[in-house]
C-alpha atoms as a PDB file:
ATOM      1  CA  MET A   1     -13.854  18.873 -12.242  1.00  0.00           C
ATOM      2  CA  ILE A   2     -15.476  17.030 -14.637  1.00  0.00           C
ATOM      3  CA  GLU A   3     -12.358  14.268 -14.706  1.00  0.00           C
ATOM      4  CA  ALA A   4     -12.853  14.110 -11.296  1.00  0.00           C
ATOM      5  CA  LEU A   5     -16.407  12.752 -11.454  1.00  0.00           C
ATOM      6  CA  ARG A   6     -15.772  10.922 -14.551  1.00  0.00           C
ATOM      7  CA  ARG A   7     -13.548   8.653 -12.074  1.00  0.00           C
ATOM      8  CA  ALA A   8     -16.080   8.576  -9.250  1.00  0.00           C
ATOM      9  CA  ALA A   9     -18.521   7.507 -10.986  1.00  0.00           C
ATOM     10  CA  PRO A  10     -19.229   4.114 -10.782  1.00  0.00           C
ATOM     11  CA  ALA A  11     -19.021   4.423  -7.067  1.00  0.00           C
ATOM     12  CA  LEU A  12     -21.949   7.101  -7.049  1.00  0.00           C
ATOM     13  CA  GLY A  13     -23.733   4.837  -9.633  1.00  0.00           C
ATOM     14  CA  LEU A  14     -23.996   7.985 -12.301  1.00  0.00           C
ATOM     15  CA  ARG A  15     -24.089   6.608 -16.083  1.00  0.00           C
ATOM     16  CA  PRO A  16     -21.892   8.470 -18.365  1.00  0.00           C
ATOM     17  CA  PRO A  17     -25.173   9.969 -20.543  1.00  0.00           C
ATOM     18  CA  VAL A  18     -25.750  11.635 -17.033  1.00  0.00           C
ATOM     19  CA  ILE A  19     -22.159  13.224 -16.826  1.00  0.00           C
ATOM     20  CA  ALA A  20     -22.149  14.267 -19.964  1.00  0.00           C
ATOM     21  CA  THR A  21     -25.018  16.625 -19.359  1.00  0.00           C
ATOM     22  CA  LEU A  22     -23.644  17.480 -16.291  1.00  0.00           C
ATOM     23  CA  ASP A  23     -20.344  18.641 -18.326  1.00  0.00           C
ATOM     24  CA  THR A  24     -22.582  20.638 -20.571  1.00  0.00           C
ATOM     25  CA  LEU A  25     -23.948  22.573 -17.679  1.00  0.00           C
ATOM     26  CA  LEU A  26     -20.498  23.691 -17.210  1.00  0.00           C
ATOM     27  CA  SER A  27     -19.276  24.745 -20.423  1.00  0.00           C
ATOM     28  CA  CYS A  28     -22.441  27.318 -20.163  1.00  0.00           C
ATOM     29  CA  LEU A  29     -20.549  29.047 -17.389  1.00  0.00           C
ATOM     30  CA  PRO A  30     -18.501  31.593 -17.878  1.00  0.00           C
ATOM     31  CA  PRO A  31     -14.527  31.492 -16.594  1.00  0.00           C
ATOM     32  CA  LYS A  32     -14.780  34.884 -14.993  1.00  0.00           C
ATOM     33  CA  ARG A  33     -18.298  35.021 -12.871  1.00  0.00           C
ATOM     34  CA  ASN A  34     -19.103  35.621  -9.275  1.00  0.00           C
ATOM     35  CA  HIS A  35     -21.749  32.836  -9.196  1.00  0.00           C
ATOM     36  CA  ASN A  36     -22.363  29.159 -10.542  1.00  0.00           C
ATOM     37  CA  ARG A  37     -26.020  29.090 -11.861  1.00  0.00           C
ATOM     38  CA  VAL A  38     -26.539  28.122 -15.467  1.00  0.00           C
ATOM     39  CA  PHE A  39     -29.732  30.622 -17.499  1.00  0.00           C
ATOM     40  CA  ALA A  40     -29.183  28.305 -20.409  1.00  0.00           C
ATOM     41  CA  SER A  41     -32.846  26.973 -21.657  1.00  0.00           C
ATOM     42  CA  ASN A  42     -33.950  23.056 -22.071  1.00  0.00           C
ATOM     43  CA  ALA A  43     -33.215  23.999 -26.295  1.00  0.00           C
ATOM     44  CA  THR A  44     -30.152  25.743 -25.720  1.00  0.00           C
ATOM     45  CA  LEU A  45     -28.444  22.644 -23.239  1.00  0.00           C
ATOM     46  CA  ALA A  46     -30.180  19.743 -26.185  1.00  0.00           C
ATOM     47  CA  LEU A  47     -28.360  21.375 -29.039  1.00  0.00           C
ATOM     48  CA  ARG A  48     -25.146  20.973 -26.589  1.00  0.00           C
ATOM     49  CA  ARG A  49     -25.886  17.733 -26.075  1.00  0.00           C
ATOM     50  CA  ASN A  50     -25.847  16.697 -29.669  1.00  0.00           C
ATOM     51  CA  GLY A  51     -29.757  16.804 -29.434  1.00  0.00           C
ATOM     52  CA  VAL A  52     -31.246  14.635 -26.932  1.00  0.00           C
ATOM     53  CA  SER A  53     -34.865  15.109 -26.009  1.00  0.00           C
ATOM     54  CA  ASP A  54     -36.329  17.618 -23.456  1.00  0.00           C
ATOM     55  CA  ARG A  55     -37.032  14.548 -21.418  1.00  0.00           C
ATOM     56  CA  THR A  56     -33.942  13.142 -21.234  1.00  0.00           C
ATOM     57  CA  LEU A  57     -32.805  16.227 -19.697  1.00  0.00           C
ATOM     58  CA  ARG A  58     -35.273  16.631 -17.504  1.00  0.00           C
ATOM     59  CA  ARG A  59     -34.689  13.082 -16.333  1.00  0.00           C
ATOM     60  CA  HIS A  60     -30.634  13.781 -16.184  1.00  0.00           C
ATOM     61  CA  PHE A  61     -31.624  16.761 -13.786  1.00  0.00           C
ATOM     62  CA  ALA A  62     -33.440  14.773 -11.876  1.00  0.00           C
ATOM     63  CA  GLU A  63     -30.741  12.216 -11.037  1.00  0.00           C
ATOM     64  CA  LEU A  64     -27.892  14.991 -10.494  1.00  0.00           C
ATOM     65  CA  ILE A  65     -30.550  16.890  -8.045  1.00  0.00           C
ATOM     66  CA  GLU A  66     -30.672  13.045  -6.412  1.00  0.00           C
ATOM     67  CA  ALA A  67     -26.708  12.526  -5.977  1.00  0.00           C
ATOM     68  CA  GLY A  68     -26.875  15.965  -4.658  1.00  0.00           C
ATOM     69  CA  PHE A  69     -24.331  17.797  -7.539  1.00  0.00           C
ATOM     70  CA  LEU A  70     -27.743  20.136  -8.570  1.00  0.00           C
ATOM     71  CA  LEU A  71     -30.405  22.357  -7.163  1.00  0.00           C
ATOM     72  CA  ARG A  72     -33.072  24.347  -9.464  1.00  0.00           C
ATOM     73  CA  ILE A  73     -33.683  27.957  -8.440  1.00  0.00           C
ATOM     74  CA  ASP A  74     -37.019  28.345 -10.654  1.00  0.00           C
ATOM     75  CA  SER A  75     -38.300  31.668 -11.290  1.00  0.00           C
ATOM     76  CA  PRO A  76     -42.211  32.509 -10.988  1.00  0.00           C
ATOM     77  CA  ASN A  77     -42.663  31.568 -14.794  1.00  0.00           C
ATOM     78  CA  GLY A  78     -39.900  28.878 -14.700  1.00  0.00           C
ATOM     79  CA  LYS A  79     -37.407  30.921 -17.050  1.00  0.00           C
ATOM     80  CA  ARG A  80     -34.133  31.598 -16.467  1.00  0.00           C
ATOM     81  CA  TYR A  81     -32.669  34.552 -15.355  1.00  0.00           C
ATOM     82  CA  CYS A  82     -31.109  37.235 -13.573  1.00  0.00           C
ATOM     83  CA  LYS A  83     -32.441  40.367 -12.392  1.00  0.00           C
ATOM     84  CA  ARG A  84     -29.997  43.297 -10.899  1.00  0.00           C
ATOM     85  CA  ASP A  85     -30.547  45.977  -8.196  1.00  0.00           C
ATOM     86  CA  PRO A  86     -28.626  48.948  -9.417  1.00  0.00           C
ATOM     87  CA  GLU A  87     -29.201  50.927  -6.191  1.00  0.00           C
ATOM     88  CA  MET A  88     -29.169  48.050  -3.374  1.00  0.00           C
ATOM     89  CA  GLY A  89     -26.558  45.952  -5.645  1.00  0.00           C
ATOM     90  CA  THR A  90     -28.496  42.844  -5.667  1.00  0.00           C
ATOM     91  CA  VAL A  91     -28.991  40.022  -7.898  1.00  0.00           C
ATOM     92  CA  LEU A  92     -31.782  37.403  -8.149  1.00  0.00           C
ATOM     93  CA  ARG A  93     -30.511  34.768 -10.142  1.00  0.00           C
ATOM     94  CA  PHE A  94     -33.067  31.770 -10.985  1.00  0.00           C
ATOM     95  CA  GLY A  95     -31.522  28.253 -13.024  1.00  0.00           C
ATOM     96  CA  LEU A  96     -29.597  25.659 -11.933  1.00  0.00           C
ATOM     97  CA  ASP A  97     -26.952  25.651  -9.378  1.00  0.00           C
ATOM     98  CA  LEU A  98     -23.760  23.768  -9.406  1.00  0.00           C
ATOM     99  CA  SER A  99     -22.063  25.225  -6.529  1.00  0.00           C
ATOM    100  CA  PRO A 100     -23.028  21.460  -4.336  1.00  0.00           C
ATOM    101  CA  LEU A 101     -20.489  20.487  -7.213  1.00  0.00           C
ATOM    102  CA  PHE A 102     -17.909  22.356  -6.426  1.00  0.00           C
ATOM    103  CA  ASN A 103     -18.666  21.965  -3.013  1.00  0.00           C
ATOM    104  CA  ALA A 104     -18.281  18.282  -3.195  1.00  0.00           C
ATOM    105  CA  TYR A 105     -14.761  18.158  -5.336  1.00  0.00           C
ATOM    106  CA  GLU A 106     -12.555  17.260  -2.464  1.00  0.00           C
ATOM    107  CA  ARG A 107     -15.315  14.266  -1.791  1.00  0.00           C
ATOM    108  CA  LEU A 108     -15.140  13.250  -5.337  1.00  0.00           C
ATOM    109  CA  CYS A 109     -11.063  13.151  -5.724  1.00  0.00           C
ATOM    110  CA  SER A 110     -11.273  11.194  -2.639  1.00  0.00           C
ATOM    111  CA  LEU A 111     -14.114   8.410  -4.508  1.00  0.00           C
ATOM    112  CA  ALA A 112     -11.803   8.856  -7.813  1.00  0.00           C
ATOM    113  CA  ARG A 113      -8.938   7.509  -5.630  1.00  0.00           C
ATOM    114  CA  GLN A 114     -10.990   5.025  -4.382  1.00  0.00           C
ATOM    115  CA  VAL A 115     -12.374   3.633  -7.430  1.00  0.00           C
ATOM    116  CA  ALA A 116      -8.603   4.010  -9.310  1.00  0.00           C
ATOM    117  CA  ASP A 117      -7.259   1.296  -6.362  1.00  0.00           C
ATOM    118  CA  ARG A 118     -10.155  -0.438  -6.711  1.00  0.00           C
ATOM    119  CA  GLN A 119      -9.939  -0.889 -10.062  1.00  0.00           C
ATOM    120  CA  ALA A 120      -5.794  -1.494  -9.832  1.00  0.00           C
ATOM    121  CA  HIS A 121      -6.804  -4.705  -7.625  1.00  0.00           C
ATOM    122  CA  LEU A 122      -9.076  -6.130  -9.429  1.00  0.00           C
ATOM    123  CA  ASP A 123      -6.256  -5.953 -12.354  1.00  0.00           C
ATOM    124  CA  TYR A 124      -4.215  -7.193  -9.981  1.00  0.00           C
ATOM    125  CA  LEU A 125      -5.739  -9.799  -8.761  1.00  0.00           C
ATOM    126  CA  ARG A 126      -6.846 -11.037 -12.573  1.00  0.00           C
ATOM    127  CA  THR A 127      -3.136 -11.092 -13.684  1.00  0.00           C
ATOM    128  CA  LYS A 128      -2.401 -13.141 -10.885  1.00  0.00           C
ATOM    129  CA  LEU A 129      -5.208 -15.827 -11.231  1.00  0.00           C
ATOM    130  CA  ARG A 130      -3.803 -16.016 -15.447  1.00  0.00           C
ATOM    131  CA  SER A 131      -0.561 -16.337 -13.920  1.00  0.00           C
ATOM    132  CA  THR A 132      -1.780 -18.768 -11.682  1.00  0.00           C
ATOM    133  CA  ILE A 133      -3.451 -21.023 -14.402  1.00  0.00           C
ATOM    134  CA  ALA A 134      -0.800 -21.062 -16.917  1.00  0.00           C
ATOM    135  CA  SER A 135       1.392 -22.336 -14.145  1.00  0.00           C
ATOM    136  CA  CYS A 136      -1.148 -24.871 -13.258  1.00  0.00           C
ATOM    137  CA  LEU A 137      -1.166 -25.727 -16.838  1.00  0.00           C
ATOM    138  CA  ALA A 138       2.274 -26.135 -17.052  1.00  0.00           C
ATOM    139  CA  ARG A 139       2.434 -28.283 -14.245  1.00  0.00           C
ATOM    140  CA  GLN A 140      -0.413 -30.479 -14.512  1.00  0.00           C
ATOM    141  CA  GLY A 141      -1.655 -29.932 -17.765  1.00  0.00           C
ATOM    142  CA  GLU A 142      -5.426 -29.527 -18.544  1.00  0.00           C
ATOM    143  CA  THR A 143      -7.927 -30.031 -15.786  1.00  0.00           C
ATOM    144  CA  ALA A 144     -12.048 -29.180 -15.487  1.00  0.00           C
ATOM    145  CA  LEU A 145     -11.020 -26.646 -12.418  1.00  0.00           C
ATOM    146  CA  LEU A 146      -8.653 -24.912 -14.948  1.00  0.00           C
ATOM    147  CA  ALA A 147     -11.294 -24.886 -17.344  1.00  0.00           C
ATOM    148  CA  ASP A 148     -13.742 -22.891 -15.494  1.00  0.00           C
ATOM    149  CA  ALA A 149     -10.818 -21.119 -13.656  1.00  0.00           C
ATOM    150  CA  ARG A 150     -10.284 -19.484 -17.756  1.00  0.00           C
ATOM    151  CA  ARG A 151     -13.898 -19.047 -18.469  1.00  0.00           C
ATOM    152  CA  VAL A 152     -14.069 -16.628 -14.920  1.00  0.00           C
ATOM    153  CA  LEU A 153     -11.505 -14.228 -16.842  1.00  0.00           C
ATOM    154  CA  ARG A 154     -13.835 -13.797 -20.118  1.00  0.00           C
ATOM    155  CA  ARG A 155     -16.777 -12.172 -17.647  1.00  0.00           C
ATOM    156  CA  LYS A 156     -16.165  -8.936 -15.133  1.00  0.00           C
ATOM    157  CA  PRO A 157     -15.766 -10.956 -11.907  1.00  0.00           C
ATOM    158  CA  SER A 158     -15.657  -9.025  -7.840  1.00  0.00           C
ATOM    159  CA  ALA A 159     -13.118  -9.262  -5.771  1.00  0.00           C
ATOM    160  CA  GLU A 160     -14.361 -12.110  -3.697  1.00  0.00           C
ATOM    161  CA  GLU A 161     -14.882 -14.073  -6.961  1.00  0.00           C
ATOM    162  CA  LEU A 162     -10.925 -13.941  -8.505  1.00  0.00           C
ATOM    163  CA  GLY A 163     -10.074 -14.025  -4.370  1.00  0.00           C
ATOM    164  CA  HIS A 164     -12.034 -17.668  -4.097  1.00  0.00           C
ATOM    165  CA  TRP A 165     -10.316 -19.331  -7.551  1.00  0.00           C
ATOM    166  CA  LEU A 166      -6.940 -17.589  -5.806  1.00  0.00           C
ATOM    167  CA  ALA A 167      -7.445 -20.105  -2.861  1.00  0.00           C
ATOM    168  CA  LEU A 168      -8.860 -23.041  -4.619  1.00  0.00           C
ATOM    169  CA  LEU A 169      -5.862 -23.203  -7.418  1.00  0.00           C
ATOM    170  CA  SER A 170      -3.627 -22.588  -4.490  1.00  0.00           C
ATOM    171  CA  ASP A 171      -5.175 -25.019  -2.354  1.00  0.00           C
ATOM    172  CA  GLU A 172      -4.420 -27.955  -5.509  1.00  0.00           C
ATOM    173  CA  THR A 173      -1.089 -26.510  -5.829  1.00  0.00           C
ATOM    174  CA  LEU A 174      -0.163 -26.764  -2.362  1.00  0.00           C
ATOM    175  CA  GLN A 175      -1.726 -29.971  -1.761  1.00  0.00           C
ATOM    176  CA  ALA A 176       0.185 -31.465  -5.049  1.00  0.00           C
ATOM    177  CA  GLU A 177       3.485 -29.747  -3.507  1.00  0.00           C
ATOM    178  CA  SER A 178       2.965 -31.544  -0.209  1.00  0.00           C
ATOM    179  CA  GLU A 179       2.421 -35.105  -1.538  1.00  0.00           C
ATOM    180  CA  GLU A 180       5.546 -37.146  -1.615  1.00  0.00           C
ATOM    181  CA  PRO A 181       5.949 -39.804  -3.957  1.00  0.00           C
ATOM    182  CA  ALA A 182       5.902 -43.286  -2.278  1.00  0.00           C
ATOM    183  CA  GLU A 183       9.708 -44.584  -1.329  1.00  0.00           C
ATOM    184  CA  GLU A 184      10.237 -47.246  -4.318  1.00  0.00           C
ATOM    185  CA  LEU A 185      12.996 -50.606  -3.411  1.00  0.00           C
ATOM    186  CA  SER A 186      15.478 -51.121  -5.851  1.00  0.00           C
ATOM    187  CA  ALA A 187      16.100 -53.132  -8.511  1.00  0.00           C
ATOM    188  CA  SER A 188      19.764 -54.447  -6.883  1.00  0.00           C
ATOM    189  CA  ASN A 189      20.307 -57.391  -5.070  1.00  0.00           C
ATOM    190  CA  GLY A 190      22.410 -55.539  -2.819  1.00  0.00           C
ATOM    191  CA  GLN A 191      22.160 -56.885   0.916  1.00  0.00           C
ATOM    192  CA  ASN A 192      21.579 -52.986   2.460  1.00  0.00           C
ATOM    193  CA  VAL A 193      18.004 -53.254   0.320  1.00  0.00           C
ATOM    194  CA  ARG A 194      17.278 -56.590   1.156  1.00  0.00           C
ATOM    195  CA  HIS A 195      18.104 -56.400   5.208  1.00  0.00           C
ATOM    196  CA  HIS A 196      17.179 -53.698   7.299  1.00  0.00           C
ATOM    197  CA  HIS A 197      18.330 -53.314  10.723  1.00  0.00           C
ATOM    198  CA  SER A 198      16.584 -51.774  13.643  1.00  0.00           C
ATOM    199  CA  SER A 199      18.899 -50.273  15.944  1.00  0.00           C
ATOM    200  CA  LYS A 200      18.546 -49.319  19.962  1.00  0.00           C
ATOM    201  CA  LYS A 201      19.058 -45.313  18.688  1.00  0.00           C
ATOM    202  CA  GLU A 202      15.930 -46.137  16.378  1.00  0.00           C
ATOM    203  CA  LEU A 203      14.019 -47.395  19.359  1.00  0.00           C
ATOM    204  CA  ILE A 204      14.804 -44.616  21.519  1.00  0.00           C
ATOM    205  CA  ASP A 205      13.486 -41.941  18.364  1.00  0.00           C
ATOM    206  CA  LYS A 206      10.769 -43.440  18.176  1.00  0.00           C
ATOM    207  CA  LYS A 207       9.824 -43.225  21.823  1.00  0.00           C
ATOM    208  CA  ALA A 208      10.565 -39.754  21.279  1.00  0.00           C
ATOM    209  CA  THR A 209       7.840 -38.949  18.641  1.00  0.00           C
ATOM    210  CA  GLU A 210       5.541 -40.117  21.250  1.00  0.00           C
ATOM    211  CA  THR A 211       5.840 -37.521  23.409  1.00  0.00           C
ATOM    212  CA  GLU A 212       6.585 -34.177  21.396  1.00  0.00           C
ATOM    213  CA  PRO A 213       9.048 -32.217  18.975  1.00  0.00           C
ATOM    214  CA  ASP A 214      12.815 -32.478  20.019  1.00  0.00           C
ATOM    215  CA  THR A 215      14.876 -28.993  20.767  1.00  0.00           C
ATOM    216  CA  SER A 216      16.026 -29.379  17.498  1.00  0.00           C
ATOM    217  CA  VAL A 217      13.073 -29.384  15.253  1.00  0.00           C
ATOM    218  CA  LEU A 218      11.468 -26.979  17.316  1.00  0.00           C
ATOM    219  CA  SER A 219      14.928 -24.564  15.827  1.00  0.00           C
ATOM    220  CA  GLU A 220      13.938 -25.647  12.319  1.00  0.00           C
ATOM    221  CA  ILE A 221      10.728 -24.617  12.229  1.00  0.00           C
ATOM    222  CA  THR A 222      12.180 -20.750  13.346  1.00  0.00           C
ATOM    223  CA  GLN A 223      14.039 -21.151  10.645  1.00  0.00           C
ATOM    224  CA  ILE A 224      12.055 -22.361   7.741  1.00  0.00           C
ATOM    225  CA  CYS A 225       9.149 -19.978   8.690  1.00  0.00           C
ATOM    226  CA  PRO A 226      11.421 -16.564   9.298  1.00  0.00           C
ATOM    227  CA  GLN A 227       7.772 -15.123   8.696  1.00  0.00           C
ATOM    228  CA  ALA A 228       5.994 -16.067  11.944  1.00  0.00           C
ATOM    229  CA  ALA A 229       9.094 -16.504  13.465  1.00  0.00           C
ATOM    230  CA  SER A 230       9.372 -12.011  13.117  1.00  0.00           C
ATOM    231  CA  PHE A 231       6.138 -12.170  15.138  1.00  0.00           C
ATOM    232  CA  LEU A 232       7.983 -13.750  18.379  1.00  0.00           C
ATOM    233  CA  GLN A 233       8.428 -11.814  21.612  1.00  0.00           C
ATOM    234  CA  THR A 234      10.598 -14.233  23.392  1.00  0.00           C
ATOM    235  CA  SER A 235      12.636 -17.251  21.905  1.00  0.00           C
ATOM    236  CA  ILE A 236      10.376 -20.794  21.708  1.00  0.00           C
ATOM    237  CA  ARG A 237      11.673 -23.212  24.365  1.00  0.00           C
ATOM    238  CA  ASN A 238       9.196 -25.821  23.564  1.00  0.00           C
ATOM    239  CA  ALA A 239       5.871 -27.060  21.451  1.00  0.00           C
ATOM    240  CA  ALA A 240       3.681 -25.018  23.744  1.00  0.00           C
ATOM    241  CA  ASP A 241       5.196 -21.815  22.628  1.00  0.00           C
ATOM    242  CA  ILE A 242       5.053 -22.984  18.920  1.00  0.00           C
ATOM    243  CA  THR A 243       1.323 -23.394  19.583  1.00  0.00           C
ATOM    244  CA  SER A 244       0.705 -20.885  22.472  1.00  0.00           C
ATOM    245  CA  HIS A 245       2.090 -18.186  19.245  1.00  0.00           C
ATOM    246  CA  ALA A 246       0.066 -19.632  16.355  1.00  0.00           C
ATOM    247  CA  ARG A 247      -3.067 -19.482  18.181  1.00  0.00           C
ATOM    248  CA  GLN A 248      -2.119 -15.649  18.655  1.00  0.00           C
ATOM    249  CA  MET A 249      -1.187 -15.311  14.811  1.00  0.00           C
ATOM    250  CA  ALA A 250      -4.621 -17.190  13.853  1.00  0.00           C
ATOM    251  CA  PRO A 251      -6.629 -13.891  14.472  1.00  0.00           C
ATOM    252  CA  MET A 252      -4.432 -11.847  12.060  1.00  0.00           C
ATOM    253  CA  MET A 253      -4.870 -14.054   9.239  1.00  0.00           C
ATOM    254  CA  GLY A 254      -8.879 -14.022   9.253  1.00  0.00           C
ATOM    255  CA  ILE A 255      -9.144 -17.885  11.454  1.00  0.00           C
ATOM    256  CA  GLU A 256     -12.029 -17.590  13.658  1.00  0.00           C
ATOM    257  CA  ARG A 257     -11.503 -19.317  16.863  1.00  0.00           C
ATOM    258  CA  GLN A 258     -13.968 -22.169  16.520  1.00  0.00           C
ATOM    259  CA  CYS A 259     -12.674 -22.959  13.231  1.00  0.00           C
ATOM    260  CA  TYR A 260      -9.092 -22.742  15.171  1.00  0.00           C
ATOM    261  CA  GLU A 261     -10.839 -25.399  17.862  1.00  0.00           C
ATOM    262  CA  ARG A 262     -12.100 -27.388  15.833  1.00  0.00           C
ATOM    263  CA  ALA A 263      -8.795 -28.091  13.999  1.00  0.00           C
ATOM    264  CA  GLU A 264      -7.212 -28.865  17.121  1.00  0.00           C
ATOM    265  CA  ASP A 265     -10.263 -30.992  17.891  1.00  0.00           C
ATOM    266  CA  LYS A 266      -9.707 -33.133  14.511  1.00  0.00           C
ATOM    267  CA  ARG A 267      -6.013 -32.859  14.063  1.00  0.00           C
ATOM    268  CA  GLY A 268      -4.067 -32.189  16.827  1.00  0.00           C
ATOM    269  CA  ALA A 269      -2.621 -28.747  18.609  1.00  0.00           C
ATOM    270  CA  MET A 270       0.868 -29.477  16.697  1.00  0.00           C
ATOM    271  CA  GLU A 271      -0.477 -29.480  13.528  1.00  0.00           C
ATOM    272  CA  VAL A 272      -2.517 -27.003  13.595  1.00  0.00           C
ATOM    273  CA  ALA A 273      -0.133 -24.831  14.863  1.00  0.00           C
ATOM    274  CA  LEU A 274       2.444 -25.477  12.283  1.00  0.00           C
ATOM    275  CA  THR A 275       0.262 -25.286   9.274  1.00  0.00           C
ATOM    276  CA  ILE A 276       0.109 -21.584  10.759  1.00  0.00           C
ATOM    277  CA  TRP A 277       3.289 -20.960  10.665  1.00  0.00           C
ATOM    278  CA  LEU A 278       3.684 -22.634   6.960  1.00  0.00           C
ATOM    279  CA  LEU A 279       0.670 -20.685   5.565  1.00  0.00           C
ATOM    280  CA  LEU A 280       2.222 -16.945   7.506  1.00  0.00           C
ATOM    281  CA  GLU A 281       5.388 -18.204   5.414  1.00  0.00           C
ATOM    282  CA  MET A 282       3.604 -18.863   1.838  1.00  0.00           C
ATOM    283  CA  GLN A 283       0.731 -15.953   2.456  1.00  0.00           C
ATOM    284  CA  ASP A 284       2.029 -14.777  -0.688  1.00  0.00           C
ATOM    285  CA  ARG A 285       0.943 -17.425  -2.874  1.00  0.00           C
ATOM    286  CA  ILE A 286      -2.295 -17.387  -0.888  1.00  0.00           C
ATOM    287  CA  HIS A 287      -5.257 -14.959  -1.509  1.00  0.00           C
ATOM    288  CA  GLN A 288      -7.411 -15.782   1.375  1.00  0.00           C
ATOM    289  CA  LEU A 289      -5.319 -17.968   4.489  1.00  0.00           C
ATOM    290  CA  GLY A 290      -8.920 -17.896   6.244  1.00  0.00           C
ATOM    291  CA  ALA A 291     -10.265 -19.894   3.741  1.00  0.00           C
ATOM    292  CA  TYR A 292      -6.992 -21.973   2.774  1.00  0.00           C
ATOM    293  CA  PHE A 293      -6.612 -22.806   6.425  1.00  0.00           C
ATOM    294  CA  ARG A 294     -10.472 -24.431   6.604  1.00  0.00           C
ATOM    295  CA  SER A 295     -10.060 -26.379   3.202  1.00  0.00           C
ATOM    296  CA  VAL A 296      -6.842 -28.213   4.563  1.00  0.00           C
ATOM    297  CA  MET A 297      -7.541 -28.971   7.990  1.00  0.00           C
ATOM    298  CA  LEU A 298     -11.392 -29.123   7.909  1.00  0.00           C
ATOM    299  CA  GLY A 299     -12.443 -29.617   4.515  1.00  0.00           C
ATOM    300  CA  ALA A 300     -11.864 -31.410   1.063  1.00  0.00           C
ATOM    301  CA  ARG A 301      -8.206 -31.689   1.285  1.00  0.00           C
ATOM    302  CA  SER A 302      -7.383 -32.216   5.302  1.00  0.00           C
ATOM    303  CA  GLU A 303      -7.612 -35.883   4.434  1.00  0.00           C
ATOM    304  CA  THR A 304      -4.046 -35.200   2.501  1.00  0.00           C
ATOM    305  CA  PHE A 305      -3.126 -32.239   3.546  1.00  0.00           C
ATOM    306  CA  CYS A 306       0.369 -32.796   5.913  1.00  0.00           C
ATOM    307  CA  PRO A 307       1.795 -30.295   7.870  1.00  0.00           C
ATOM    308  CA  TRP A 308       5.390 -32.173   8.441  1.00  0.00           C
ATOM    309  CA  GLN A 309       5.957 -32.975   4.811  1.00  0.00           C
ATOM    310  CA  LEU A 310       5.343 -29.549   3.615  1.00  0.00           C
ATOM    311  CA  LEU A 311       7.783 -28.671   6.491  1.00  0.00           C
ATOM    312  CA  GLU A 312      10.104 -30.297   4.431  1.00  0.00           C
ATOM    313  CA  LYS A 313       9.506 -29.805   1.267  1.00  0.00           C
ATOM    314  CA  LEU A 314      10.337 -25.593   2.255  1.00  0.00           C
ATOM    315  CA  ARG A 315      13.055 -27.119   3.739  1.00  0.00           C
ATOM    316  CA  LYS A 316      14.947 -28.207   0.581  1.00  0.00           C
ATOM    317  CA  ARG A 317      13.985 -25.598  -0.962  1.00  0.00           C
ATOM    318  CA  GLY A 318      15.121 -23.256   0.916  1.00  0.00           C
ATOM    319  CA  GLY A 319      18.694 -24.694   1.697  1.00  0.00           C
ATOM    320  CA  HIS A 320      18.278 -25.473   5.194  1.00  0.00           C
ATOM    321  CA  GLN A 321      20.592 -28.121   6.772  1.00  0.00           C
ATOM    322  CA  ARG A 322      18.354 -30.887   7.487  1.00  0.00           C
ATOM    323  CA  ILE A 323      17.365 -31.879  10.841  1.00  0.00           C
ATOM    324  CA  VAL A 324      14.210 -33.677  10.678  1.00  0.00           C
ATOM    325  CA  ARG A 325      14.603 -37.447  10.564  1.00  0.00           C
ATOM    326  CA  GLY A 326      13.210 -38.949   7.458  1.00  0.00           C
ATOM    327  CA  GLN A 327       9.900 -39.331   5.631  1.00  0.00           C
ATOM    328  CA  GLN A 328       8.237 -42.220   6.910  1.00  0.00           C
ATOM    329  CA  TYR A 329       5.810 -40.464   9.959  1.00  0.00           C
ATOM    330  CA  ALA A 330       1.980 -40.978   8.933  1.00  0.00           C
ATOM    331  CA  CYS A 331       0.398 -37.492   9.010  1.00  0.00           C
ATOM    332  CA  GLY A 332      -1.988 -37.356  11.892  1.00  0.00           C
ATOM    333  CA  GLY A 333       0.322 -38.923  14.132  1.00  0.00           C
ATOM    334  CA  ASN A 334       3.147 -37.456  15.659  1.00  0.00           C
ATOM    335  CA  PRO A 335       5.918 -35.290  14.613  1.00  0.00           C
ATOM    336  CA  PRO A 336       9.863 -36.889  13.465  1.00  0.00           C
ATOM    337  CA  VAL A 337      12.389 -36.291  16.000  1.00  0.00           C
ATOM    338  CA  ALA A 338      15.451 -34.914  15.781  1.00  0.00           C
ATOM    339  CA  ALA A 339      18.540 -36.313  13.722  1.00  0.00           C
ATOM    340  CA  THR A 340      21.856 -37.203  15.223  1.00  0.00           C
END
């Protein structure tokens, strides 16, 4: 009983000294009894509580009564005692009644489990943030953002605060991964570097990019993003199927309809839909998908984030066969077409 109460105390708002007083009351109950009344005087209780004052005891009793775990059954003279009628077999008991505490046992156990789960979640988030900080330090060195994140860990942050910092660091990490280095010309004097021939085939491909992604490109999206594809009810036939599926998944990711529509107005339906597919594929690395989507589509990262480049990153990482043509496209424009 007392162990469950100690675990549930944070959710109940009971301080450790109040729990200690309640434990003292429980110690006054005999093992074999037919009631839950405590008859010990305040002096006896104070002695068992290592000499706390009578005023402290009364304050703790008031908190326990307010919490619904204690009742005062006062006698006419204020003493705690019981009187038995031998003829009728009835008993009058005046004292501190702990019956509400025993009646609340199941609720206390449930609260204790909830508090334990919440604490485990906090410990997980702290460990995840600590690991993310270490990864960022190894990859890019010390930054002001990482220094602030380490200071957060020295306090007792809430789950929301830890999630906010995980979203910030994940945002920075994924944005760095989506940036491709500029292509450098070779120092060789070879003719293949100094001369580029635009073939008729390239002109056809360029015209194709002005419409919508090739069927092969759509197939590659489903291969690289199996998490999002697992929710499909029908096969992907065109770009409209990609965008329609993304609109259905967005609310499940915590993305509001107004935010999604603003992103479509700014970036286009296909880029927004592709971002949804990519975020679902990387959901284990992003704590708050809705916050990250808002940042890369409408926030400070929107100018540098390119879903097509990130798709290419995932393709290379997963070892998928190359279908999308090279990195010559600009984000915010038209998607690439299939290579032949």
